[in-house]
Amino acid sequence: MLFGALMVIKARSMQGIFGKVNWAEANLRGGTTSFYKMLGIVIAVVGILIATSLIQSVVLKLLTPLFKGLG
């Protein structure tokens, strides 16, 4: 969760450390900076879900429709 927040706050520093993402530069309006910010938000949300023990419920809700016909 903390790493995700730092990625959002320090997106330009992350770009300096990890470099540019070519896909993000070609497809996102904000380029690599926006990519690192979005990735940071996803990491922070997953961290919150893990900390509150809601991750299992969310994963089951998302994946149950994919495997419904197999059983």
PDB file of N, CA and C in Angstrom:
ATOM      1  N   MET A   1       0.832  -1.179   0.000  1.00  0.00           N
ATOM      2  CA  MET A   1       0.000   0.000   0.000  1.00  0.00           C
ATOM      3  C   MET A   1       0.884   1.252   0.000  1.00  0.00           C
ATOM      4  N   LEU A   2       1.905   1.242   0.815  1.00  0.00           N
ATOM      5  CA  LEU A   2       2.802   2.393   0.885  1.00  0.00           C
ATOM      6  C   LEU A   2       3.565   2.579  -0.426  1.00  0.00           C
ATOM      7  N   PHE A   3       4.008   1.479  -1.026  1.00  0.00           N
ATOM      8  CA  PHE A   3       4.727   1.567  -2.299  1.00  0.00           C
ATOM      9  C   PHE A   3       3.830   2.147  -3.387  1.00  0.00           C
ATOM     10  N   GLY A   4       2.558   1.752  -3.398  1.00  0.00           N
ATOM     11  CA  GLY A   4       1.609   2.286  -4.370  1.00  0.00           C
ATOM     12  C   GLY A   4       1.421   3.781  -4.202  1.00  0.00           C
ATOM     13  N   ALA A   5       1.299   4.233  -2.960  1.00  0.00           N
ATOM     14  CA  ALA A   5       1.149   5.663  -2.702  1.00  0.00           C
ATOM     15  C   ALA A   5       2.399   6.422  -3.144  1.00  0.00           C
ATOM     16  N   LEU A   6       3.552   5.855  -2.880  1.00  0.00           N
ATOM     17  CA  LEU A   6       4.793   6.509  -3.310  1.00  0.00           C
ATOM     18  C   LEU A   6       4.900   6.574  -4.825  1.00  0.00           C
ATOM     19  N   MET A   7       4.391   5.549  -5.505  1.00  0.00           N
ATOM     20  CA  MET A   7       4.418   5.568  -6.975  1.00  0.00           C
ATOM     21  C   MET A   7       3.547   6.692  -7.523  1.00  0.00           C
ATOM     22  N   VAL A   8       2.424   6.956  -6.874  1.00  0.00           N
ATOM     23  CA  VAL A   8       1.543   8.027  -7.322  1.00  0.00           C
ATOM     24  C   VAL A   8       2.183   9.386  -7.045  1.00  0.00           C
ATOM     25  N   ILE A   9       2.744   9.538  -5.862  1.00  0.00           N
ATOM     26  CA  ILE A   9       3.318  10.823  -5.465  1.00  0.00           C
ATOM     27  C   ILE A   9       4.609  11.123  -6.230  1.00  0.00           C
ATOM     28  N   LYS A  10       5.439  10.131  -6.403  1.00  0.00           N
ATOM     29  CA  LYS A  10       6.759  10.307  -7.016  1.00  0.00           C
ATOM     30  C   LYS A  10       6.848   9.641  -8.389  1.00  0.00           C
ATOM     31  N   ALA A  11       5.856   9.855  -9.234  1.00  0.00           N
ATOM     32  CA  ALA A  11       5.820   9.198 -10.544  1.00  0.00           C
ATOM     33  C   ALA A  11       7.012   9.591 -11.414  1.00  0.00           C
ATOM     34  N   ARG A  12       7.409  10.832 -11.361  1.00  0.00           N
ATOM     35  CA  ARG A  12       8.565  11.266 -12.172  1.00  0.00           C
ATOM     36  C   ARG A  12       9.860  10.619 -11.690  1.00  0.00           C
ATOM     37  N   SER A  13       9.990  10.443 -10.390  1.00  0.00           N
ATOM     38  CA  SER A  13      11.176   9.765  -9.861  1.00  0.00           C
ATOM     39  C   SER A  13      11.193   8.305 -10.304  1.00  0.00           C
ATOM     40  N   MET A  14      10.020   7.675 -10.304  1.00  0.00           N
ATOM     41  CA  MET A  14       9.926   6.289 -10.773  1.00  0.00           C
ATOM     42  C   MET A  14      10.334   6.194 -12.238  1.00  0.00           C
ATOM     43  N   GLN A  15       9.944   7.180 -13.006  1.00  0.00           N
ATOM     44  CA  GLN A  15      10.321   7.199 -14.424  1.00  0.00           C
ATOM     45  C   GLN A  15      11.834   7.306 -14.555  1.00  0.00           C
ATOM     46  N   GLY A  16      12.459   8.092 -13.702  1.00  0.00           N
ATOM     47  CA  GLY A  16      13.909   8.211 -13.728  1.00  0.00           C
ATOM     48  C   GLY A  16      14.614   6.930 -13.316  1.00  0.00           C
ATOM     49  N   ILE A  17      14.009   6.189 -12.381  1.00  0.00           N
ATOM     50  CA  ILE A  17      14.616   4.954 -11.890  1.00  0.00           C
ATOM     51  C   ILE A  17      14.396   3.804 -12.864  1.00  0.00           C
ATOM     52  N   PHE A  18      13.149   3.603 -13.292  1.00  0.00           N
ATOM     53  CA  PHE A  18      12.802   2.442 -14.108  1.00  0.00           C
ATOM     54  C   PHE A  18      12.797   2.728 -15.607  1.00  0.00           C
ATOM     55  N   GLY A  19      12.815   3.983 -15.995  1.00  0.00           N
ATOM     56  CA  GLY A  19      12.831   4.328 -17.405  1.00  0.00           C
ATOM     57  C   GLY A  19      11.439   4.482 -17.984  1.00  0.00           C
ATOM     58  N   LYS A  20      11.390   4.782 -19.278  1.00  0.00           N
ATOM     59  CA  LYS A  20      10.119   5.007 -19.952  1.00  0.00           C
ATOM     60  C   LYS A  20       9.494   3.683 -20.371  1.00  0.00           C
ATOM     61  N   VAL A  21       8.164   3.694 -20.432  1.00  0.00           N
ATOM     62  CA  VAL A  21       7.394   2.539 -20.905  1.00  0.00           C
ATOM     63  C   VAL A  21       6.891   2.904 -22.298  1.00  0.00           C
ATOM     64  N   ASN A  22       7.412   2.228 -23.310  1.00  0.00           N
ATOM     65  CA  ASN A  22       7.079   2.567 -24.696  1.00  0.00           C
ATOM     66  C   ASN A  22       5.590   2.473 -24.985  1.00  0.00           C
ATOM     67  N   TRP A  23       4.935   1.434 -24.458  1.00  0.00           N
ATOM     68  CA  TRP A  23       3.503   1.283 -24.682  1.00  0.00           C
ATOM     69  C   TRP A  23       2.740   2.482 -24.111  1.00  0.00           C
ATOM     70  N   ALA A  24       3.126   2.911 -22.927  1.00  0.00           N
ATOM     71  CA  ALA A  24       2.447   4.043 -22.293  1.00  0.00           C
ATOM     72  C   ALA A  24       2.682   5.329 -23.080  1.00  0.00           C
ATOM     73  N   GLU A  25       3.874   5.504 -23.590  1.00  0.00           N
ATOM     74  CA  GLU A  25       4.179   6.696 -24.372  1.00  0.00           C
ATOM     75  C   GLU A  25       3.331   6.744 -25.641  1.00  0.00           C
ATOM     76  N   ALA A  26       3.069   5.592 -26.236  1.00  0.00           N
ATOM     77  CA  ALA A  26       2.308   5.549 -27.483  1.00  0.00           C
ATOM     78  C   ALA A  26       0.803   5.621 -27.262  1.00  0.00           C
ATOM     79  N   ASN A  27       0.309   5.111 -26.118  1.00  0.00           N
ATOM     80  CA  ASN A  27      -1.130   4.942 -25.953  1.00  0.00           C
ATOM     81  C   ASN A  27      -1.781   5.803 -24.875  1.00  0.00           C
ATOM     82  N   LEU A  28      -1.029   6.342 -23.965  1.00  0.00           N
ATOM     83  CA  LEU A  28      -1.611   7.140 -22.890  1.00  0.00           C
ATOM     84  C   LEU A  28      -1.305   8.610 -23.098  1.00  0.00           C
ATOM     85  N   ARG A  29      -2.258   9.445 -22.764  1.00  0.00           N
ATOM     86  CA  ARG A  29      -2.082  10.886 -22.948  1.00  0.00           C
ATOM     87  C   ARG A  29      -0.931  11.424 -22.078  1.00  0.00           C
ATOM     88  N   GLY A  30      -0.825  10.953 -20.856  1.00  0.00           N
ATOM     89  CA  GLY A  30       0.220  11.426 -19.961  1.00  0.00           C
ATOM     90  C   GLY A  30       1.514  10.646 -20.067  1.00  0.00           C
ATOM     91  N   GLY A  31       1.540   9.620 -20.882  1.00  0.00           N
ATOM     92  CA  GLY A  31       2.745   8.828 -21.095  1.00  0.00           C
ATOM     93  C   GLY A  31       3.111   7.965 -19.905  1.00  0.00           C
ATOM     94  N   THR A  32       4.391   7.829 -19.698  1.00  0.00           N
ATOM     95  CA  THR A  32       4.914   6.957 -18.655  1.00  0.00           C
ATOM     96  C   THR A  32       4.505   7.424 -17.263  1.00  0.00           C
ATOM     97  N   THR A  33       4.452   8.723 -17.062  1.00  0.00           N
ATOM     98  CA  THR A  33       4.066   9.250 -15.754  1.00  0.00           C
ATOM     99  C   THR A  33       2.659   8.788 -15.387  1.00  0.00           C
ATOM    100  N   SER A  34       1.735   8.867 -16.327  1.00  0.00           N
ATOM    101  CA  SER A  34       0.368   8.400 -16.067  1.00  0.00           C
ATOM    102  C   SER A  34       0.342   6.903 -15.813  1.00  0.00           C
ATOM    103  N   PHE A  35       1.151   6.160 -16.541  1.00  0.00           N
ATOM    104  CA  PHE A  35       1.218   4.712 -16.345  1.00  0.00           C
ATOM    105  C   PHE A  35       1.661   4.379 -14.921  1.00  0.00           C
ATOM    106  N   TYR A  36       2.719   5.029 -14.433  1.00  0.00           N
ATOM    107  CA  TYR A  36       3.195   4.756 -13.083  1.00  0.00           C
ATOM    108  C   TYR A  36       2.166   5.178 -12.044  1.00  0.00           C
ATOM    109  N   LYS A  37       1.443   6.259 -12.291  1.00  0.00           N
ATOM    110  CA  LYS A  37       0.403   6.684 -11.349  1.00  0.00           C
ATOM    111  C   LYS A  37      -0.739   5.679 -11.307  1.00  0.00           C
ATOM    112  N   MET A  38      -1.184   5.192 -12.476  1.00  0.00           N
ATOM    113  CA  MET A  38      -2.259   4.199 -12.503  1.00  0.00           C
ATOM    114  C   MET A  38      -1.818   2.888 -11.847  1.00  0.00           C
ATOM    115  N   LEU A  39      -0.589   2.477 -12.120  1.00  0.00           N
ATOM    116  CA  LEU A  39      -0.057   1.267 -11.498  1.00  0.00           C
ATOM    117  C   LEU A  39       0.019   1.439  -9.978  1.00  0.00           C
ATOM    118  N   GLY A  40       0.421   2.613  -9.533  1.00  0.00           N
ATOM    119  CA  GLY A  40       0.473   2.895  -8.097  1.00  0.00           C
ATOM    120  C   GLY A  40      -0.892   2.828  -7.446  1.00  0.00           C
ATOM    121  N   ILE A  41      -1.921   3.329  -8.136  1.00  0.00           N
ATOM    122  CA  ILE A  41      -3.281   3.262  -7.599  1.00  0.00           C
ATOM    123  C   ILE A  41      -3.732   1.812  -7.476  1.00  0.00           C
ATOM    124  N   VAL A  42      -3.444   1.001  -8.498  1.00  0.00           N
ATOM    125  CA  VAL A  42      -3.818  -0.415  -8.455  1.00  0.00           C
ATOM    126  C   VAL A  42      -3.100  -1.113  -7.298  1.00  0.00           C
ATOM    127  N   ILE A  43      -1.817  -0.854  -7.126  1.00  0.00           N
ATOM    128  CA  ILE A  43      -1.051  -1.471  -6.045  1.00  0.00           C
ATOM    129  C   ILE A  43      -1.601  -1.038  -4.693  1.00  0.00           C
ATOM    130  N   ALA A  44      -1.957   0.242  -4.533  1.00  0.00           N
ATOM    131  CA  ALA A  44      -2.503   0.731  -3.269  1.00  0.00           C
ATOM    132  C   ALA A  44      -3.854   0.087  -2.963  1.00  0.00           C
ATOM    133  N   VAL A  45      -4.717  -0.041  -3.971  1.00  0.00           N
ATOM    134  CA  VAL A  45      -6.033  -0.659  -3.754  1.00  0.00           C
ATOM    135  C   VAL A  45      -5.877  -2.127  -3.372  1.00  0.00           C
ATOM    136  N   VAL A  46      -5.007  -2.844  -4.064  1.00  0.00           N
ATOM    137  CA  VAL A  46      -4.770  -4.253  -3.717  1.00  0.00           C
ATOM    138  C   VAL A  46      -4.203  -4.357  -2.295  1.00  0.00           C
ATOM    139  N   GLY A  47      -3.328  -3.449  -1.924  1.00  0.00           N
ATOM    140  CA  GLY A  47      -2.786  -3.436  -0.561  1.00  0.00           C
ATOM    141  C   GLY A  47      -3.865  -3.216   0.481  1.00  0.00           C
ATOM    142  N   ILE A  48      -4.799  -2.316   0.201  1.00  0.00           N
ATOM    143  CA  ILE A  48      -5.913  -2.073   1.129  1.00  0.00           C
ATOM    144  C   ILE A  48      -6.797  -3.313   1.224  1.00  0.00           C
ATOM    145  N   LEU A  49      -7.065  -3.958   0.087  1.00  0.00           N
ATOM    146  CA  LEU A  49      -7.880  -5.176   0.104  1.00  0.00           C
ATOM    147  C   LEU A  49      -7.207  -6.289   0.907  1.00  0.00           C
ATOM    148  N   ILE A  50      -5.902  -6.412   0.793  1.00  0.00           N
ATOM    149  CA  ILE A  50      -5.175  -7.422   1.555  1.00  0.00           C
ATOM    150  C   ILE A  50      -5.204  -7.081   3.041  1.00  0.00           C
ATOM    151  N   ALA A  51      -4.992  -5.815   3.380  1.00  0.00           N
ATOM    152  CA  ALA A  51      -4.962  -5.398   4.776  1.00  0.00           C
ATOM    153  C   ALA A  51      -6.313  -5.584   5.464  1.00  0.00           C
ATOM    154  N   THR A  52      -7.395  -5.454   4.716  1.00  0.00           N
ATOM    155  CA  THR A  52      -8.731  -5.594   5.305  1.00  0.00           C
ATOM    156  C   THR A  52      -9.329  -6.985   5.073  1.00  0.00           C
ATOM    157  N   SER A  53      -8.549  -7.894   4.540  1.00  0.00           N
ATOM    158  CA  SER A  53      -8.972  -9.282   4.271  1.00  0.00           C
ATOM    159  C   SER A  53     -10.146  -9.370   3.309  1.00  0.00           C
ATOM    160  N   LEU A  54     -10.272  -8.445   2.407  1.00  0.00           N
ATOM    161  CA  LEU A  54     -11.334  -8.464   1.410  1.00  0.00           C
ATOM    162  C   LEU A  54     -10.870  -9.010   0.072  1.00  0.00           C
ATOM    163  N   ILE A  55      -9.585  -9.293  -0.061  1.00  0.00           N
ATOM    164  CA  ILE A  55      -9.031  -9.720  -1.341  1.00  0.00           C
ATOM    165  C   ILE A  55      -9.661 -11.033  -1.814  1.00  0.00           C
ATOM    166  N   GLN A  56      -9.898 -11.968  -0.897  1.00  0.00           N
ATOM    167  CA  GLN A  56     -10.466 -13.264  -1.288  1.00  0.00           C
ATOM    168  C   GLN A  56     -11.867 -13.078  -1.849  1.00  0.00           C
ATOM    169  N   SER A  57     -12.674 -12.257  -1.224  1.00  0.00           N
ATOM    170  CA  SER A  57     -14.039 -12.023  -1.706  1.00  0.00           C
ATOM    171  C   SER A  57     -14.037 -11.388  -3.089  1.00  0.00           C
ATOM    172  N   VAL A  58     -13.154 -10.423  -3.291  1.00  0.00           N
ATOM    173  CA  VAL A  58     -13.092  -9.726  -4.577  1.00  0.00           C
ATOM    174  C   VAL A  58     -12.625 -10.673  -5.681  1.00  0.00           C
ATOM    175  N   VAL A  59     -11.606 -11.454  -5.405  1.00  0.00           N
ATOM    176  CA  VAL A  59     -11.080 -12.388  -6.407  1.00  0.00           C
ATOM    177  C   VAL A  59     -12.134 -13.439  -6.757  1.00  0.00           C
ATOM    178  N   LEU A  60     -12.829 -13.952  -5.760  1.00  0.00           N
ATOM    179  CA  LEU A  60     -13.876 -14.941  -6.032  1.00  0.00           C
ATOM    180  C   LEU A  60     -15.004 -14.330  -6.855  1.00  0.00           C
ATOM    181  N   LYS A  61     -15.401 -13.109  -6.548  1.00  0.00           N
ATOM    182  CA  LYS A  61     -16.453 -12.438  -7.313  1.00  0.00           C
ATOM    183  C   LYS A  61     -16.055 -12.250  -8.768  1.00  0.00           C
ATOM    184  N   LEU A  62     -14.791 -11.918  -8.994  1.00  0.00           N
ATOM    185  CA  LEU A  62     -14.325 -11.660 -10.352  1.00  0.00           C
ATOM    186  C   LEU A  62     -14.099 -12.937 -11.156  1.00  0.00           C
ATOM    187  N   LEU A  63     -13.631 -13.987 -10.512  1.00  0.00           N
ATOM    188  CA  LEU A  63     -13.241 -15.196 -11.241  1.00  0.00           C
ATOM    189  C   LEU A  63     -14.319 -16.269 -11.308  1.00  0.00           C
ATOM    190  N   THR A  64     -15.334 -16.227 -10.450  1.00  0.00           N
ATOM    191  CA  THR A  64     -16.386 -17.247 -10.466  1.00  0.00           C
ATOM    192  C   THR A  64     -17.077 -17.365 -11.818  1.00  0.00           C
ATOM    193  N   PRO A  65     -17.431 -16.271 -12.486  1.00  0.00           N
ATOM    194  CA  PRO A  65     -18.093 -16.414 -13.804  1.00  0.00           C
ATOM    195  C   PRO A  65     -17.222 -17.122 -14.844  1.00  0.00           C
ATOM    196  N   LEU A  66     -15.912 -17.015 -14.725  1.00  0.00           N
ATOM    197  CA  LEU A  66     -15.018 -17.653 -15.694  1.00  0.00           C
ATOM    198  C   LEU A  66     -15.025 -19.179 -15.566  1.00  0.00           C
ATOM    199  N   PHE A  67     -15.209 -19.673 -14.343  1.00  0.00           N
ATOM    200  CA  PHE A  67     -15.112 -21.107 -14.104  1.00  0.00           C
ATOM    201  C   PHE A  67     -16.449 -21.762 -13.784  1.00  0.00           C
ATOM    202  N   LYS A  68     -17.536 -21.043 -13.996  1.00  0.00           N
ATOM    203  CA  LYS A  68     -18.876 -21.534 -13.651  1.00  0.00           C
ATOM    204  C   LYS A  68     -19.254 -22.790 -14.424  1.00  0.00           C
ATOM    205  N   GLY A  69     -18.935 -22.858 -15.679  1.00  0.00           N
ATOM    206  CA  GLY A  69     -19.329 -23.999 -16.503  1.00  0.00           C
ATOM    207  C   GLY A  69     -18.424 -25.214 -16.384  1.00  0.00           C
ATOM    208  N   LEU A  70     -17.327 -25.108 -15.643  1.00  0.00           N
ATOM    209  CA  LEU A  70     -16.367 -26.218 -15.566  1.00  0.00           C
ATOM    210  C   LEU A  70     -16.776 -27.267 -14.541  1.00  0.00           C
ATOM    211  N   GLY A  71     -17.554 -26.904 -13.543  1.00  0.00           N
ATOM    212  CA  GLY A  71     -17.857 -27.844 -12.467  1.00  0.00           C
ATOM    213  C   GLY A  71     -19.116 -28.477 -12.633  1.00  0.00           C
TER     214      GLY A  71
END
